[in-house]
Amino acid sequence: MVGKYPVITLCGSTHFKDEFMEAQKRLTLEGNIVISVGLFGHTGDQEVWENMDEGTLTDTKEMIDDMHKRKIDMADGIYVINVGGYIGESTSSEIEYAKKYGKTVTYLEAISHH
């Protein structure tokens, strides 16, 4: 079994920092290699954005979104941190992307189909 660990990329709003950390620990202990977000833009990494002008900010956010798609490329599947059922725009596009490329998609909370 050594060397053949499934790779899982975490997706979701960076508002849910605690849940990301929790999922990262749990999935790692379950024998997965976990790829997480590079920074929590909504909670706690404000200093990253503070001195950027509008153009740099836009380019940086685009770069981070694109990097996350590359992280999905590297993974066998994604794990969606959908606290309270919340799935934002970026996360939705990441889920579509993952499905398009045949990745498994697992959710923290069961999806209710209304």
N, C-alpha and C. Protein backbone atom coordinates (compact mmCIF):
# COMPACT_ATOMS: atom_id res chain seq x y z
N MET A 1 0.83 -1.21 0.00
CA MET A 1 0.00 0.00 0.00
C MET A 1 0.86 1.26 0.00
N VAL A 2 2.10 1.14 0.43
CA VAL A 2 2.96 2.33 0.50
C VAL A 2 3.12 2.97 -0.87
N GLY A 3 2.96 4.29 -0.88
CA GLY A 3 3.17 5.03 -2.12
C GLY A 3 1.94 5.16 -2.99
N LYS A 4 0.85 4.49 -2.63
CA LYS A 4 -0.34 4.62 -3.46
C LYS A 4 -1.47 5.22 -2.65
N TYR A 5 -1.26 6.43 -2.21
CA TYR A 5 -2.29 7.12 -1.44
C TYR A 5 -3.14 7.94 -2.39
N PRO A 6 -4.46 7.92 -2.22
CA PRO A 6 -5.29 8.80 -3.05
C PRO A 6 -4.95 10.26 -2.74
N VAL A 7 -4.99 11.09 -3.77
CA VAL A 7 -4.73 12.52 -3.60
C VAL A 7 -6.07 13.24 -3.68
N ILE A 8 -6.35 14.06 -2.67
CA ILE A 8 -7.62 14.78 -2.60
C ILE A 8 -7.34 16.28 -2.48
N THR A 9 -8.00 17.05 -3.32
CA THR A 9 -7.88 18.51 -3.25
C THR A 9 -9.12 19.07 -2.55
N LEU A 10 -8.90 19.90 -1.54
CA LEU A 10 -10.01 20.52 -0.82
C LEU A 10 -10.52 21.72 -1.61
N CYS A 11 -11.83 21.84 -1.71
CA CYS A 11 -12.46 22.98 -2.38
C CYS A 11 -13.52 23.55 -1.46
N GLY A 12 -13.76 24.84 -1.59
CA GLY A 12 -14.79 25.47 -0.77
C GLY A 12 -14.43 26.90 -0.48
N SER A 13 -15.34 27.61 0.15
CA SER A 13 -15.09 29.00 0.50
C SER A 13 -14.05 29.08 1.60
N THR A 14 -13.10 30.00 1.43
CA THR A 14 -12.06 30.15 2.45
C THR A 14 -12.60 30.81 3.72
N HIS A 15 -13.91 31.10 3.75
CA HIS A 15 -14.53 31.55 5.01
C HIS A 15 -14.45 30.43 6.04
N PHE A 16 -14.42 29.18 5.53
CA PHE A 16 -14.50 28.02 6.43
C PHE A 16 -13.12 27.47 6.79
N LYS A 17 -12.28 28.36 7.32
CA LYS A 17 -10.90 27.98 7.63
C LYS A 17 -10.82 26.79 8.59
N ASP A 18 -11.59 26.83 9.66
CA ASP A 18 -11.54 25.76 10.67
C ASP A 18 -11.93 24.42 10.06
N GLU A 19 -12.96 24.44 9.22
CA GLU A 19 -13.42 23.21 8.59
C GLU A 19 -12.38 22.66 7.60
N PHE A 20 -11.67 23.57 6.93
CA PHE A 20 -10.58 23.15 6.03
C PHE A 20 -9.50 22.42 6.83
N MET A 21 -9.10 23.02 7.96
CA MET A 21 -8.05 22.43 8.79
C MET A 21 -8.49 21.07 9.31
N GLU A 22 -9.72 21.00 9.75
CA GLU A 22 -10.30 19.78 10.28
C GLU A 22 -10.31 18.67 9.22
N ALA A 23 -10.80 19.01 8.03
CA ALA A 23 -10.88 18.04 6.93
C ALA A 23 -9.49 17.58 6.53
N GLN A 24 -8.55 18.51 6.49
CA GLN A 24 -7.18 18.19 6.11
C GLN A 24 -6.60 17.14 7.05
N LYS A 25 -6.81 17.34 8.36
CA LYS A 25 -6.30 16.39 9.36
C LYS A 25 -6.98 15.03 9.21
N ARG A 26 -8.31 15.06 9.15
CA ARG A 26 -9.07 13.81 9.11
C ARG A 26 -8.75 12.99 7.87
N LEU A 27 -8.74 13.65 6.71
CA LEU A 27 -8.47 12.94 5.46
C LEU A 27 -7.05 12.41 5.41
N THR A 28 -6.11 13.16 6.00
CA THR A 28 -4.71 12.72 6.06
C THR A 28 -4.62 11.45 6.91
N LEU A 29 -5.27 11.46 8.06
CA LEU A 29 -5.24 10.30 8.96
C LEU A 29 -5.93 9.09 8.33
N GLU A 30 -6.86 9.35 7.40
CA GLU A 30 -7.53 8.25 6.70
C GLU A 30 -6.68 7.72 5.55
N GLY A 31 -5.47 8.28 5.38
CA GLY A 31 -4.56 7.75 4.37
C GLY A 31 -4.59 8.44 3.01
N ASN A 32 -4.99 9.71 2.99
CA ASN A 32 -5.01 10.47 1.75
C ASN A 32 -3.92 11.54 1.75
N ILE A 33 -3.42 11.87 0.58
CA ILE A 33 -2.54 13.03 0.44
C ILE A 33 -3.47 14.19 0.16
N VAL A 34 -3.43 15.21 1.00
CA VAL A 34 -4.39 16.31 0.90
C VAL A 34 -3.73 17.58 0.37
N ILE A 35 -4.31 18.15 -0.66
CA ILE A 35 -3.87 19.43 -1.21
C ILE A 35 -4.92 20.46 -0.79
N SER A 36 -4.49 21.48 -0.09
CA SER A 36 -5.44 22.48 0.40
C SER A 36 -5.27 23.80 -0.33
N VAL A 37 -5.92 24.83 0.16
CA VAL A 37 -5.78 26.15 -0.44
C VAL A 37 -4.45 26.76 0.01
N GLY A 38 -3.91 27.64 -0.82
CA GLY A 38 -2.63 28.27 -0.50
C GLY A 38 -2.77 29.35 0.55
N LEU A 39 -3.94 29.96 0.61
CA LEU A 39 -4.18 30.98 1.63
C LEU A 39 -5.67 31.13 1.84
N PHE A 40 -6.01 31.68 3.00
CA PHE A 40 -7.42 31.89 3.33
C PHE A 40 -7.75 33.35 3.10
N GLY A 41 -8.11 33.66 1.87
CA GLY A 41 -8.33 35.05 1.48
C GLY A 41 -9.43 35.76 2.24
N HIS A 42 -10.39 34.98 2.75
CA HIS A 42 -11.52 35.59 3.45
C HIS A 42 -11.33 35.63 4.95
N THR A 43 -10.43 34.80 5.47
CA THR A 43 -10.30 34.72 6.93
C THR A 43 -8.84 34.63 7.32
N GLY A 44 -8.28 35.76 7.69
CA GLY A 44 -6.98 35.70 8.32
C GLY A 44 -5.77 36.00 7.47
N ASP A 45 -5.92 36.06 6.14
CA ASP A 45 -4.75 36.39 5.33
C ASP A 45 -4.91 37.76 4.67
N GLN A 46 -5.55 38.66 5.38
CA GLN A 46 -5.83 39.99 4.83
C GLN A 46 -4.57 40.73 4.37
N GLU A 47 -3.47 40.52 5.08
CA GLU A 47 -2.24 41.25 4.74
C GLU A 47 -1.81 41.00 3.30
N VAL A 48 -2.23 39.89 2.74
CA VAL A 48 -1.88 39.55 1.37
C VAL A 48 -2.45 40.60 0.41
N TRP A 49 -3.68 41.01 0.67
CA TRP A 49 -4.39 41.89 -0.28
C TRP A 49 -4.18 43.37 -0.01
N GLU A 50 -3.79 43.73 1.22
CA GLU A 50 -3.80 45.13 1.65
C GLU A 50 -3.08 46.12 0.74
N ASN A 51 -1.87 45.76 0.26
CA ASN A 51 -1.11 46.76 -0.51
C ASN A 51 -1.19 46.59 -2.02
N MET A 52 -2.17 45.79 -2.47
CA MET A 52 -2.28 45.56 -3.91
C MET A 52 -3.21 46.58 -4.55
N ASP A 53 -2.80 47.03 -5.74
CA ASP A 53 -3.73 47.87 -6.49
C ASP A 53 -4.74 46.95 -7.18
N GLU A 54 -5.77 47.54 -7.75
CA GLU A 54 -6.89 46.78 -8.33
C GLU A 54 -6.42 45.75 -9.37
N GLY A 55 -5.54 46.17 -10.27
CA GLY A 55 -5.06 45.29 -11.33
C GLY A 55 -4.32 44.08 -10.79
N THR A 56 -3.41 44.34 -9.85
CA THR A 56 -2.63 43.26 -9.24
C THR A 56 -3.55 42.30 -8.50
N LEU A 57 -4.53 42.88 -7.82
CA LEU A 57 -5.49 42.09 -7.05
C LEU A 57 -6.23 41.12 -7.98
N THR A 58 -6.74 41.65 -9.09
CA THR A 58 -7.47 40.84 -10.06
C THR A 58 -6.58 39.74 -10.63
N ASP A 59 -5.35 40.11 -11.03
CA ASP A 59 -4.42 39.12 -11.58
C ASP A 59 -4.09 38.04 -10.57
N THR A 60 -3.90 38.45 -9.32
CA THR A 60 -3.54 37.50 -8.27
C THR A 60 -4.68 36.53 -8.01
N LYS A 61 -5.91 37.07 -7.93
CA LYS A 61 -7.06 36.19 -7.70
C LYS A 61 -7.24 35.22 -8.86
N GLU A 62 -7.03 35.70 -10.08
CA GLU A 62 -7.13 34.81 -11.25
C GLU A 62 -6.07 33.73 -11.19
N MET A 63 -4.85 34.11 -10.80
CA MET A 63 -3.76 33.15 -10.69
C MET A 63 -4.10 32.08 -9.65
N ILE A 64 -4.63 32.51 -8.50
CA ILE A 64 -4.96 31.58 -7.43
C ILE A 64 -6.07 30.62 -7.87
N ASP A 65 -7.08 31.14 -8.58
CA ASP A 65 -8.15 30.29 -9.11
C ASP A 65 -7.58 29.27 -10.09
N ASP A 66 -6.68 29.73 -10.95
CA ASP A 66 -6.08 28.84 -11.94
C ASP A 66 -5.22 27.78 -11.26
N MET A 67 -4.46 28.20 -10.24
CA MET A 67 -3.64 27.25 -9.48
C MET A 67 -4.51 26.17 -8.87
N HIS A 68 -5.68 26.58 -8.39
CA HIS A 68 -6.56 25.60 -7.75
C HIS A 68 -7.04 24.56 -8.77
N LYS A 69 -7.27 25.00 -10.02
CA LYS A 69 -7.63 24.05 -11.08
C LYS A 69 -6.46 23.09 -11.32
N ARG A 70 -5.24 23.58 -11.28
CA ARG A 70 -4.07 22.70 -11.43
C ARG A 70 -3.99 21.71 -10.27
N LYS A 71 -4.36 22.17 -9.07
CA LYS A 71 -4.37 21.28 -7.90
C LYS A 71 -5.41 20.18 -8.09
N ILE A 72 -6.52 20.52 -8.77
CA ILE A 72 -7.53 19.52 -9.07
C ILE A 72 -6.98 18.53 -10.10
N ASP A 73 -6.22 19.05 -11.09
CA ASP A 73 -5.59 18.18 -12.09
C ASP A 73 -4.69 17.14 -11.43
N MET A 74 -4.01 17.52 -10.37
CA MET A 74 -3.06 16.65 -9.68
C MET A 74 -3.74 15.61 -8.80
N ALA A 75 -5.03 15.81 -8.54
CA ALA A 75 -5.73 14.98 -7.56
C ALA A 75 -6.56 13.88 -8.21
N ASP A 76 -6.88 12.87 -7.38
CA ASP A 76 -7.80 11.81 -7.81
C ASP A 76 -9.24 12.27 -7.63
N GLY A 77 -9.43 13.17 -6.68
CA GLY A 77 -10.77 13.66 -6.40
C GLY A 77 -10.74 14.94 -5.60
N ILE A 78 -11.92 15.54 -5.43
CA ILE A 78 -12.01 16.74 -4.60
C ILE A 78 -12.94 16.48 -3.42
N TYR A 79 -12.72 17.23 -2.38
CA TYR A 79 -13.55 17.16 -1.18
C TYR A 79 -14.07 18.57 -0.96
N VAL A 80 -15.39 18.73 -1.05
CA VAL A 80 -16.01 20.05 -0.99
C VAL A 80 -16.42 20.40 0.44
N ILE A 81 -15.89 21.51 0.94
CA ILE A 81 -16.22 22.00 2.27
C ILE A 81 -17.46 22.89 2.11
N ASN A 82 -18.63 22.29 2.22
CA ASN A 82 -19.89 23.01 1.97
C ASN A 82 -20.64 23.21 3.29
N VAL A 83 -20.06 23.99 4.17
CA VAL A 83 -20.67 24.24 5.48
C VAL A 83 -22.04 24.87 5.31
N GLY A 84 -23.02 24.29 5.98
CA GLY A 84 -24.39 24.81 5.88
C GLY A 84 -24.94 24.71 4.47
N GLY A 85 -24.32 23.84 3.66
CA GLY A 85 -24.76 23.67 2.29
C GLY A 85 -24.25 24.76 1.35
N TYR A 86 -23.41 25.67 1.87
CA TYR A 86 -22.95 26.80 1.04
C TYR A 86 -21.90 26.38 0.01
N ILE A 87 -22.21 26.67 -1.25
CA ILE A 87 -21.25 26.46 -2.33
C ILE A 87 -21.26 27.72 -3.18
N GLY A 88 -20.16 28.45 -3.15
CA GLY A 88 -20.06 29.70 -3.90
C GLY A 88 -19.74 29.47 -5.37
N GLU A 89 -19.59 30.58 -6.07
CA GLU A 89 -19.35 30.57 -7.51
C GLU A 89 -18.06 29.84 -7.90
N SER A 90 -16.95 30.18 -7.25
CA SER A 90 -15.67 29.54 -7.58
C SER A 90 -15.74 28.05 -7.32
N THR A 91 -16.31 27.69 -6.17
CA THR A 91 -16.41 26.28 -5.81
C THR A 91 -17.27 25.53 -6.82
N SER A 92 -18.38 26.13 -7.23
CA SER A 92 -19.24 25.50 -8.24
C SER A 92 -18.47 25.21 -9.51
N SER A 93 -17.65 26.18 -9.94
CA SER A 93 -16.90 25.98 -11.18
C SER A 93 -15.83 24.90 -10.98
N GLU A 94 -15.28 24.81 -9.76
CA GLU A 94 -14.29 23.76 -9.47
C GLU A 94 -14.95 22.38 -9.49
N ILE A 95 -16.19 22.29 -8.98
CA ILE A 95 -16.91 21.01 -8.97
C ILE A 95 -17.18 20.57 -10.43
N GLU A 96 -17.64 21.52 -11.25
CA GLU A 96 -17.88 21.22 -12.67
C GLU A 96 -16.60 20.74 -13.34
N TYR A 97 -15.53 21.45 -13.06
CA TYR A 97 -14.22 21.13 -13.63
C TYR A 97 -13.79 19.72 -13.24
N ALA A 98 -13.93 19.40 -11.95
CA ALA A 98 -13.53 18.09 -11.45
C ALA A 98 -14.35 16.98 -12.12
N LYS A 99 -15.66 17.20 -12.24
CA LYS A 99 -16.54 16.20 -12.87
C LYS A 99 -16.16 16.00 -14.33
N LYS A 100 -15.88 17.11 -15.00
CA LYS A 100 -15.53 17.08 -16.42
C LYS A 100 -14.30 16.20 -16.65
N TYR A 101 -13.37 16.21 -15.71
CA TYR A 101 -12.14 15.44 -15.85
C TYR A 101 -12.16 14.12 -15.08
N GLY A 102 -13.36 13.68 -14.72
CA GLY A 102 -13.51 12.35 -14.13
C GLY A 102 -12.97 12.18 -12.72
N LYS A 103 -12.90 13.28 -11.97
CA LYS A 103 -12.45 13.20 -10.58
C LYS A 103 -13.63 12.83 -9.68
N THR A 104 -13.34 12.17 -8.57
CA THR A 104 -14.42 11.91 -7.62
C THR A 104 -14.73 13.20 -6.88
N VAL A 105 -16.00 13.38 -6.52
CA VAL A 105 -16.43 14.57 -5.79
C VAL A 105 -17.14 14.11 -4.52
N THR A 106 -16.58 14.50 -3.37
CA THR A 106 -17.16 14.14 -2.08
C THR A 106 -17.48 15.44 -1.35
N TYR A 107 -18.54 15.42 -0.55
CA TYR A 107 -18.95 16.62 0.17
C TYR A 107 -18.86 16.42 1.67
N LEU A 108 -18.50 17.50 2.37
CA LEU A 108 -18.47 17.49 3.83
C LEU A 108 -19.88 17.22 4.35
N GLU A 109 -20.85 17.96 3.81
CA GLU A 109 -22.25 17.79 4.23
C GLU A 109 -23.04 17.24 3.07
N ALA A 110 -23.97 16.36 3.38
CA ALA A 110 -24.80 15.75 2.33
C ALA A 110 -25.51 16.85 1.54
N ILE A 111 -25.59 16.65 0.24
CA ILE A 111 -26.25 17.62 -0.62
C ILE A 111 -27.75 17.29 -0.61
N SER A 112 -28.54 18.30 -0.30
CA SER A 112 -29.99 18.08 -0.34
C SER A 112 -30.49 18.60 -1.69
N HIS A 113 -31.21 17.77 -2.39
CA HIS A 113 -31.77 18.17 -3.69
C HIS A 113 -33.20 18.63 -3.47
N HIS A 114 -33.40 19.95 -3.61
CA HIS A 114 -34.75 20.48 -3.37
C HIS A 114 -35.60 20.34 -4.63
